[in-house]
């Protein structure tokens, strides 16, 4: 009886490993890295997994879509402050031409959606939506723009967390269920 039980446990573990690998491969194929803004490594945001993607593994993978939205929100809040809300200056730093970005198209895309040239933190949601839509294929962007994912990411961006803080720990620290 114990041999049969151990055998079933081993089979279930193998199945679990196969499923986890399939999910990981599916996410890679779909380009799902929980990084809606293609943020680069080295910024040490909470929720970073230590995994990377893209050319030269320059972009970080976050543990959840919410933590990716949070990191993007924190990055854009800093750029709003550093550039006095000037969208052109913000996007020029965020997606510089010398990194093979279509910076002018990007600036125009964001400005058209925001409806002005200068922004404040009050404009953060529309700026983030614009960036997420510019950076991602529509089906991937939808994952980040789901109301609960998007609003939770923005809410979490209001607090500073250490890099090793997971989504679950951040929610707990903020009293979010």
Protein backbone atom coordinates (compact mmCIF):
# COMPACT_ATOMS: atom_id res chain seq x y z
CA UNK A 1 0.00 0.00 0.00
CA UNK A 2 2.82 2.44 0.86
CA UNK A 3 4.66 1.59 -2.38
CA UNK A 4 1.53 2.40 -4.35
CA UNK A 5 1.11 5.68 -2.43
CA UNK A 6 4.77 6.66 -3.04
CA UNK A 7 4.37 5.79 -6.71
CA UNK A 8 1.31 8.05 -6.99
CA UNK A 9 3.15 10.88 -5.25
CA UNK A 10 6.05 10.57 -7.69
CA UNK A 11 3.69 10.52 -10.68
CA UNK A 12 1.90 13.62 -9.37
CA UNK A 13 5.21 15.42 -8.87
CA UNK A 14 6.28 14.60 -12.43
CA UNK A 15 2.95 15.88 -13.76
CA UNK A 16 3.31 19.06 -11.71
CA UNK A 17 6.82 19.66 -13.07
CA UNK A 18 5.59 19.11 -16.64
CA UNK A 19 2.71 21.56 -16.11
CA UNK A 20 5.02 24.18 -14.59
CA UNK A 21 7.39 23.85 -17.54
CA UNK A 22 4.51 24.15 -20.01
CA UNK A 23 3.24 27.29 -18.29
CA UNK A 24 6.75 28.76 -18.33
CA UNK A 25 7.19 27.93 -22.02
CA UNK A 26 3.74 29.31 -22.86
CA UNK A 27 4.57 32.57 -21.07
CA UNK A 28 7.82 32.83 -23.04
CA UNK A 29 6.04 32.22 -26.35
CA UNK A 30 3.36 34.78 -25.49
CA UNK A 31 5.95 37.25 -24.23
CA UNK A 32 4.50 37.31 -20.74
CA UNK A 33 7.14 38.39 -18.28
CA UNK A 34 4.96 40.49 -15.97
CA UNK A 35 6.90 43.54 -17.15
CA UNK A 36 4.40 45.78 -18.96
CA UNK A 37 6.93 48.55 -19.55
CA UNK A 38 9.94 46.43 -20.50
CA UNK A 39 11.88 47.82 -17.54
CA UNK A 40 15.59 47.05 -17.61
CA UNK A 41 17.57 45.26 -14.95
CA UNK A 42 19.55 47.20 -12.40
CA UNK A 43 16.73 49.25 -10.92
CA UNK A 44 16.04 46.80 -8.08
CA UNK A 45 12.25 46.94 -7.97
CA UNK A 46 10.23 44.81 -5.59
CA UNK A 47 8.89 41.68 -7.24
CA UNK A 48 11.89 41.07 -9.51
CA UNK A 49 12.43 37.31 -9.89
CA UNK A 50 16.11 37.34 -10.84
CA UNK A 51 15.14 36.13 -14.33
CA UNK A 52 15.56 38.19 -17.48
CA UNK A 53 14.47 38.27 -21.13
CA UNK A 54 15.15 40.07 -24.37
CA UNK A 55 18.35 40.80 -26.23
CA UNK A 56 21.28 40.39 -23.82
CA UNK A 57 18.75 39.56 -21.05
CA UNK A 58 18.35 43.27 -20.40
CA UNK A 59 14.73 43.24 -19.16
CA UNK A 60 13.57 41.96 -15.76
CA UNK A 61 10.83 39.43 -15.06
CA UNK A 62 8.43 40.29 -12.23
CA UNK A 63 6.62 37.74 -10.06
CA UNK A 64 3.14 39.02 -10.99
CA UNK A 65 1.56 41.46 -13.44
CA UNK A 66 0.67 43.69 -10.48
CA UNK A 67 4.30 44.05 -9.44
CA UNK A 68 5.25 44.87 -13.02
CA UNK A 69 2.60 47.61 -13.11
CA UNK A 70 3.85 48.81 -9.72
CA UNK A 71 7.46 49.07 -10.94
CA UNK A 72 6.37 50.92 -14.09
CA UNK A 73 4.30 53.33 -11.96
CA UNK A 74 7.24 54.03 -9.65
CA UNK A 75 9.53 54.61 -12.63
CA UNK A 76 7.08 57.02 -14.29
CA UNK A 77 6.43 58.91 -11.03
CA UNK A 78 10.17 59.53 -10.79
CA UNK A 79 10.30 60.72 -14.40
CA UNK A 80 7.34 63.06 -13.85
CA UNK A 81 9.24 64.67 -10.95
CA UNK A 82 12.64 64.74 -12.69
CA UNK A 83 11.27 66.24 -15.92
CA UNK A 84 8.60 68.54 -14.43
CA UNK A 85 5.94 66.49 -16.19
CA UNK A 86 7.30 67.13 -19.70
CA UNK A 87 6.16 64.07 -21.67
CA UNK A 88 8.76 64.49 -24.41
CA UNK A 89 11.62 64.59 -21.88
CA UNK A 90 10.15 61.67 -19.91
CA UNK A 91 9.74 59.38 -22.92
CA UNK A 92 13.11 60.44 -24.34
CA UNK A 93 14.70 59.12 -21.16
CA UNK A 94 12.37 56.12 -20.90
CA UNK A 95 12.79 54.98 -24.52
CA UNK A 96 15.89 56.73 -25.93
CA UNK A 97 16.61 56.70 -29.67
CA UNK A 98 20.06 55.23 -29.09
CA UNK A 99 18.39 52.06 -27.73
CA UNK A 100 16.67 51.48 -31.10
CA UNK A 101 13.37 52.98 -29.95
CA UNK A 102 10.99 54.97 -32.10
CA UNK A 103 11.11 57.77 -29.56
CA UNK A 104 9.23 60.42 -31.57
CA UNK A 105 6.39 58.00 -32.36
CA UNK A 106 6.32 56.99 -28.71
CA UNK A 107 6.13 60.62 -27.53
CA UNK A 108 3.31 61.37 -29.97
CA UNK A 109 1.44 58.21 -28.97
CA UNK A 110 1.50 59.15 -25.27
CA UNK A 111 0.72 62.84 -25.88
CA UNK A 112 -2.30 61.96 -28.05
CA UNK A 113 -3.75 59.71 -25.36
CA UNK A 114 -3.00 62.04 -22.46
CA UNK A 115 -4.19 65.12 -24.34
CA UNK A 116 -1.45 67.47 -23.19
CA UNK A 117 2.32 68.01 -23.19
CA UNK A 118 2.85 68.34 -19.43
CA UNK A 119 1.52 65.96 -16.80
CA UNK A 120 1.34 65.48 -13.04
CA UNK A 121 1.01 62.37 -10.90
CA UNK A 122 -2.76 62.76 -11.24
CA UNK A 123 -2.28 61.73 -14.89
CA UNK A 124 -0.42 58.56 -13.92
CA UNK A 125 -3.17 56.07 -14.89
CA UNK A 126 -3.54 57.40 -18.46
CA UNK A 127 0.25 57.63 -18.89
CA UNK A 128 0.67 54.03 -17.73
CA UNK A 129 -2.15 52.83 -20.00
CA UNK A 130 -0.47 54.58 -22.93
CA UNK A 131 2.93 53.04 -22.21
CA UNK A 132 1.46 49.57 -21.67
CA UNK A 133 -0.42 49.79 -24.96
CA UNK A 134 2.66 51.03 -26.83
CA UNK A 135 4.99 48.41 -25.35
CA UNK A 136 2.77 45.33 -25.70
CA UNK A 137 0.66 43.40 -28.17
CA UNK A 138 -3.05 44.01 -27.49
CA UNK A 139 -3.68 40.60 -25.93
CA UNK A 140 -0.73 41.02 -23.54
CA UNK A 141 -1.63 44.64 -22.71
CA UNK A 142 -5.11 43.48 -21.68
CA UNK A 143 -3.57 41.33 -18.94
CA UNK A 144 -1.99 44.37 -17.32
CA UNK A 145 -4.97 46.66 -17.88
CA UNK A 146 -7.50 44.43 -16.14
CA UNK A 147 -9.03 46.77 -13.53
CA UNK A 148 -7.95 44.74 -10.49
CA UNK A 149 -4.39 44.15 -11.75
CA UNK A 150 -3.92 47.76 -12.86
CA UNK A 151 -5.39 49.42 -9.75
CA UNK A 152 -3.54 47.08 -7.38
CA UNK A 153 -0.23 47.82 -9.14
CA UNK A 154 -0.83 51.57 -8.84
CA UNK A 155 -1.88 51.25 -5.19
CA UNK A 156 1.29 49.25 -4.40
CA UNK A 157 3.40 51.93 -6.12
CA UNK A 158 2.63 54.31 -3.26
CA UNK A 159 4.95 52.42 -0.92
CA UNK A 160 8.63 51.64 -1.13
CA UNK A 161 9.56 47.96 -0.81
CA UNK A 162 12.89 46.17 -0.92
CA UNK A 163 13.77 44.23 -4.07
CA UNK A 164 13.12 40.88 -2.41
CA UNK A 165 9.50 41.78 -1.58
CA UNK A 166 7.07 39.50 -3.39
CA UNK A 167 3.56 40.42 -4.47
CA UNK A 168 2.06 38.43 -1.61
CA UNK A 169 4.31 40.11 0.96
CA UNK A 170 3.64 43.59 -0.50
CA UNK A 171 -0.14 42.98 -0.34
CA UNK A 172 0.18 41.82 3.24
CA UNK A 173 2.25 44.89 4.18
CA UNK A 174 -0.33 47.20 2.57
CA UNK A 175 -3.33 45.35 4.06
CA UNK A 176 -4.65 44.33 0.64
CA UNK A 177 -6.59 41.09 0.41
